[in-house]
Amino acid sequence: MSEILREDPAPGVALLRINRPEARNALNTATREALARHFREINTDTEIRAVILTGDAKAFAAGADLREFAELSSVDQMQRNTHLLWQTVKECPKPIVAAVNGYALGGGCELALHADIIVAGQTARFGQPEVLVGVMPGAGGTQRLTRAIGKYRAMKMVLLGEMVSAPEALAMGMVSEVVPEVEVEARALEMARKIASLPPLAVQQIKEVLIAGMDASLETGLLLERKAFHLLFSSDDQKEGVNAFLEKRIPEFKGR
């Protein structure tokens, strides 16, 4: 059984489904490696313009597989180089929409935080409970979470190891949207299809500049924005978009 199932639910959209229901989609090494393989393919596939990342109705991903951690030493953990597997998700140039139902805990919460948009079901639960088993978040949970929700809310989550509900996560800016559980995947697909219909060069530049600007000064971020804005005027898609608007027709964007 494959740990990651790939589907292509719409033109330009790839859906990756974590497939370990017996373990609430816990992220063991095989799952991380499979996820990295799929992202390496997607990252260079010009036909794919948006990615959906999801699990099942009970869990997006309920953290790391603790059975793999029980006897590891510090050197063992370092030599696993799992950060290189996460890197393929981080470096995806296409927008990622996480469709979250059930638990997104530990590494599962960190995986969701790699996404650009998070759609959560009403009963979804998010958390970084690593402190409860004597460790700490190790794939961005102390960094991406803090950037998303601020120091004091992040400290509460990582120091107490407590879960937050989807409505709480929405209120603190941790997720993009909360919908009924049965609508999560459909809503994520609706968003991904819309993104896939838009000019891919502009979409990629928006993602790149927005993320880079988060760690830059305002002036540096504005400079990056201006340069990317100017660059897009050399694209065929920019001419197509403007002409289609003036001619009152649907544009046909080709990524050139």
Protein backbone atom coordinates (compact mmCIF):
# COMPACT_ATOMS: atom_id res chain seq x y z
CA MET A 1 0.00 0.00 0.00
CA SER A 2 1.40 3.38 -1.00
CA GLU A 3 1.80 5.88 1.84
CA ILE A 4 0.97 8.75 -0.52
CA LEU A 5 -1.72 8.51 -3.18
CA ARG A 6 -1.65 10.95 -6.09
CA GLU A 7 -4.81 12.00 -7.87
CA ASP A 8 -5.33 14.51 -10.69
CA PRO A 9 -8.85 15.80 -9.97
CA ALA A 10 -8.78 18.70 -12.44
CA PRO A 11 -6.56 20.06 -15.22
CA GLY A 12 -3.46 21.61 -13.69
CA VAL A 13 -4.24 20.29 -10.19
CA ALA A 14 -2.42 17.49 -8.35
CA LEU A 15 -3.86 16.05 -5.14
CA LEU A 16 -1.59 14.21 -2.69
CA ARG A 17 -3.37 12.09 -0.08
CA ILE A 18 -1.59 10.76 3.00
CA ASN A 19 -2.64 7.11 3.19
CA ARG A 20 -1.87 5.52 6.58
CA PRO A 21 -5.37 5.33 8.11
CA GLU A 22 -4.27 2.58 10.51
CA ALA A 23 -1.87 5.09 12.13
CA ARG A 24 -3.99 8.25 11.74
CA ASN A 25 -1.67 9.19 8.87
CA ALA A 26 1.36 9.50 11.15
CA LEU A 27 4.40 10.64 9.20
CA ASN A 28 6.88 7.78 9.30
CA THR A 29 10.06 7.82 7.20
CA ALA A 30 8.47 5.99 4.28
CA THR A 31 5.63 8.53 4.16
CA ARG A 32 8.00 11.50 4.25
CA GLU A 33 10.13 9.97 1.50
CA ALA A 34 7.09 9.27 -0.68
CA LEU A 35 5.84 12.81 -0.14
CA ALA A 36 9.24 14.19 -1.12
CA ARG A 37 9.29 12.07 -4.30
CA HIS A 38 5.90 13.36 -5.36
CA PHE A 39 6.86 16.97 -4.69
CA ARG A 40 10.10 16.60 -6.64
CA GLU A 41 8.02 15.54 -9.64
CA ILE A 42 5.37 18.21 -9.18
CA ASN A 43 7.90 21.01 -8.63
CA THR A 44 9.28 20.60 -12.16
CA ASP A 45 6.05 19.65 -13.95
CA THR A 46 4.92 22.71 -15.91
CA GLU A 47 1.46 21.21 -16.40
CA ILE A 48 0.72 21.33 -12.66
CA ARG A 49 -0.28 24.75 -11.40
CA ALA A 50 -1.68 24.01 -7.92
CA VAL A 51 -1.38 21.24 -5.33
CA ILE A 52 -3.87 19.93 -2.77
CA LEU A 53 -2.46 18.15 0.28
CA THR A 54 -4.87 16.12 2.39
CA GLY A 55 -5.44 13.07 4.56
CA ASP A 56 -8.75 11.43 5.41
CA ALA A 57 -11.86 12.21 7.44
CA LYS A 58 -10.23 11.30 10.76
CA ALA A 59 -6.78 12.80 10.37
CA PHE A 60 -4.75 15.05 8.13
CA ALA A 61 -1.66 13.70 9.87
CA ALA A 62 -1.42 12.94 13.58
CA GLY A 63 2.27 13.77 13.97
CA ALA A 64 5.43 11.73 13.60
CA ASP A 65 5.43 7.97 14.07
CA LEU A 66 6.79 7.73 17.62
CA ARG A 67 7.72 4.08 17.14
CA GLU A 68 10.60 5.27 14.99
CA PHE A 69 11.82 7.65 17.71
CA ALA A 70 11.91 5.39 20.72
CA GLU A 71 15.59 4.36 20.63
CA LEU A 72 17.18 7.10 18.51
CA SER A 73 20.26 8.96 19.73
CA SER A 74 21.02 12.57 18.85
CA VAL A 75 23.45 11.42 16.16
CA ASP A 76 20.88 8.98 14.74
CA GLN A 77 18.32 11.75 14.50
CA MET A 78 20.78 14.14 12.88
CA GLN A 79 21.86 11.57 10.30
CA ARG A 80 18.27 10.91 9.23
CA ASN A 81 18.38 14.33 7.49
CA THR A 82 14.60 14.58 7.46
CA HIS A 83 14.87 18.32 6.89
CA LEU A 84 15.92 17.53 3.31
CA LEU A 85 12.59 15.75 2.77
CA TRP A 86 10.65 18.73 4.10
CA GLN A 87 12.67 20.98 1.79
CA THR A 88 10.91 19.61 -1.30
CA VAL A 89 7.57 20.81 0.12
CA LYS A 90 8.98 24.18 1.18
CA GLU A 91 10.48 24.79 -2.27
CA CYS A 92 7.32 23.97 -4.24
CA PRO A 93 6.80 26.96 -6.58
CA LYS A 94 3.12 26.15 -7.07
CA PRO A 95 0.51 27.17 -4.45
CA ILE A 96 -0.31 24.40 -1.98
CA VAL A 97 -3.81 24.12 -0.51
CA ALA A 98 -4.01 21.96 2.62
CA ALA A 99 -7.43 20.32 3.12
CA VAL A 100 -7.53 19.42 6.82
CA ASN A 101 -10.05 17.19 8.56
CA GLY A 102 -9.52 15.56 11.93
CA TYR A 103 -6.12 15.81 13.60
CA ALA A 104 -3.20 17.89 12.37
CA LEU A 105 -0.72 17.40 15.18
CA GLY A 106 3.04 17.68 15.55
CA GLY A 107 4.61 16.99 12.19
CA GLY A 108 1.12 17.00 10.68
CA CYS A 109 0.52 20.54 11.91
CA GLU A 110 3.96 21.52 10.62
CA LEU A 111 3.15 19.98 7.25
CA ALA A 112 -0.07 21.99 7.05
CA LEU A 113 1.93 25.12 7.89
CA HIS A 114 4.01 24.51 4.75
CA ALA A 115 0.85 25.14 2.71
CA ASP A 116 -0.14 28.52 1.29
CA ILE A 117 -3.85 28.14 2.04
CA ILE A 118 -5.39 25.94 4.75
CA VAL A 119 -9.03 24.85 4.51
CA ALA A 120 -10.14 23.19 7.73
CA GLY A 121 -13.21 21.20 8.67
CA GLN A 122 -15.32 22.41 11.59
CA THR A 123 -14.05 19.65 13.90
CA ALA A 124 -10.39 19.71 12.80
CA ARG A 125 -7.84 20.01 15.61
CA PHE A 126 -4.37 21.55 15.39
CA GLY A 127 -1.52 21.20 17.87
CA GLN A 128 2.18 20.85 18.61
CA PRO A 129 2.19 18.30 21.44
CA GLU A 130 5.88 17.33 21.21
CA VAL A 131 6.66 18.68 24.67
CA LEU A 132 4.39 15.99 26.14
CA VAL A 133 6.84 13.28 25.01
CA GLY A 134 10.01 15.12 25.98
CA VAL A 135 10.96 16.81 22.73
CA MET A 136 9.97 19.91 20.78
CA PRO A 137 8.75 20.77 17.28
CA GLY A 138 11.51 20.06 14.79
CA ALA A 139 10.08 20.88 11.36
CA GLY A 140 9.11 24.51 11.73
CA GLY A 141 6.59 24.38 14.56
CA THR A 142 8.41 27.03 16.61
CA GLN A 143 9.08 29.23 13.58
CA ARG A 144 6.26 29.04 11.00
CA LEU A 145 3.64 28.89 13.73
CA THR A 146 5.03 32.00 15.43
CA ARG A 147 5.06 33.87 12.13
CA ALA A 148 1.46 32.85 11.53
CA ILE A 149 -0.12 33.57 14.92
CA GLY A 150 2.40 35.58 16.95
CA LYS A 151 4.62 34.84 19.94
CA TYR A 152 2.08 34.56 22.74
CA ARG A 153 -0.36 32.22 21.06
CA ALA A 154 2.47 30.11 19.67
CA MET A 155 4.12 29.88 23.08
CA LYS A 156 0.87 28.69 24.61
CA MET A 157 0.48 25.96 21.99
CA VAL A 158 4.05 24.64 22.05
CA LEU A 159 4.67 24.96 25.80
CA LEU A 160 1.39 23.37 26.91
CA GLY A 161 1.08 20.92 24.04
CA GLU A 162 -2.64 21.64 23.86
CA MET A 163 -4.79 21.36 20.73
CA VAL A 164 -6.84 24.19 19.28
CA SER A 165 -10.10 23.79 17.37
CA ALA A 166 -10.54 24.88 13.77
CA PRO A 167 -12.64 27.94 14.76
CA GLU A 168 -9.93 28.93 17.26
CA ALA A 169 -7.26 28.43 14.59
CA LEU A 170 -9.23 30.64 12.20
CA ALA A 171 -9.62 33.38 14.82
CA MET A 172 -5.86 33.44 15.46
CA GLY A 173 -4.95 33.50 11.76
CA MET A 174 -3.63 29.95 11.56
CA VAL A 175 -6.03 28.75 8.85
CA SER A 176 -7.60 30.44 5.83
CA GLU A 177 -11.16 29.13 6.04
CA VAL A 178 -13.35 26.76 8.06
CA VAL A 179 -16.13 24.79 6.35
CA PRO A 180 -18.29 21.75 7.23
CA GLU A 181 -16.24 18.53 7.22
CA VAL A 182 -17.93 17.11 4.13
CA GLU A 183 -17.06 20.24 2.13
CA VAL A 184 -13.34 20.48 2.94
CA GLU A 185 -11.93 18.65 -0.06
CA ALA A 186 -14.45 20.16 -2.47
CA ARG A 187 -13.62 23.66 -1.26
CA ALA A 188 -9.88 22.99 -1.56
CA LEU A 189 -10.43 21.72 -5.10
CA GLU A 190 -12.52 24.78 -5.96
CA MET A 191 -9.66 27.01 -4.84
CA ALA A 192 -6.98 24.95 -6.60
CA ARG A 193 -8.96 24.92 -9.86
CA LYS A 194 -9.32 28.70 -9.71
CA ILE A 195 -5.58 29.10 -9.12
CA ALA A 196 -4.82 26.67 -11.97
CA SER A 197 -6.90 28.81 -14.33
CA LEU A 198 -4.87 31.94 -13.59
CA PRO A 199 -1.56 32.99 -15.19
CA PRO A 200 1.04 30.65 -13.65
CA LEU A 201 3.96 33.10 -13.90
CA ALA A 202 2.04 35.72 -11.94
CA VAL A 203 0.87 33.12 -9.41
CA GLN A 204 4.41 31.85 -8.85
CA GLN A 205 5.82 35.36 -8.49
CA ILE A 206 3.12 36.24 -5.96
CA LYS A 207 3.97 33.19 -3.85
CA GLU A 208 7.72 33.73 -4.09
CA VAL A 209 7.64 37.43 -3.24
CA LEU A 210 5.09 37.10 -0.44
CA ILE A 211 7.10 34.39 1.33
CA ALA A 212 10.47 36.10 0.80
CA GLY A 213 9.07 39.38 2.04
CA MET A 214 7.94 37.88 5.34
CA ASP A 215 11.56 37.67 6.49
CA ALA A 216 12.66 40.98 4.97
CA SER A 217 12.27 44.61 5.93
CA LEU A 218 9.31 46.47 4.47
CA GLU A 219 11.55 48.37 2.06
CA THR A 220 13.25 45.17 0.86
CA GLY A 221 9.88 43.47 0.45
CA LEU A 222 8.55 46.38 -1.58
CA LEU A 223 11.66 46.25 -3.77
CA LEU A 224 11.12 42.54 -4.43
CA GLU A 225 7.48 43.25 -5.23
CA ARG A 226 8.34 46.01 -7.73
CA LYS A 227 10.94 43.89 -9.52
CA ALA A 228 8.53 40.96 -9.88
CA PHE A 229 5.75 43.31 -11.00
CA HIS A 230 7.98 44.79 -13.71
CA LEU A 231 9.17 41.33 -14.81
CA LEU A 232 5.64 40.14 -15.53
CA PHE A 233 5.21 42.80 -18.21
CA SER A 234 7.54 40.69 -20.36
CA SER A 235 5.14 37.74 -20.31
CA ASP A 236 2.68 36.75 -23.01
CA ASP A 237 0.15 36.05 -20.26
CA GLN A 238 0.17 39.71 -19.19
CA LYS A 239 -0.69 40.80 -22.74
CA GLU A 240 -3.32 38.07 -23.01
CA GLY A 241 -4.90 39.06 -19.70
CA VAL A 242 -5.18 42.74 -20.59
CA ASN A 243 -6.42 42.09 -24.12
CA ALA A 244 -8.99 39.56 -22.92
CA PHE A 245 -10.29 42.09 -20.39
CA LEU A 246 -10.58 44.81 -23.03
CA GLU A 247 -12.20 42.43 -25.52
CA LYS A 248 -14.59 41.07 -22.87
CA ARG A 249 -13.57 37.44 -23.34
CA ILE A 250 -12.14 34.69 -21.14
CA PRO A 251 -8.32 34.77 -21.18
CA GLU A 252 -6.27 31.72 -22.10
CA PHE A 253 -3.11 31.71 -20.01
CA LYS A 254 -0.22 29.50 -21.16
CA GLY A 255 2.51 30.25 -18.68
CA ARG A 256 4.72 32.16 -21.10
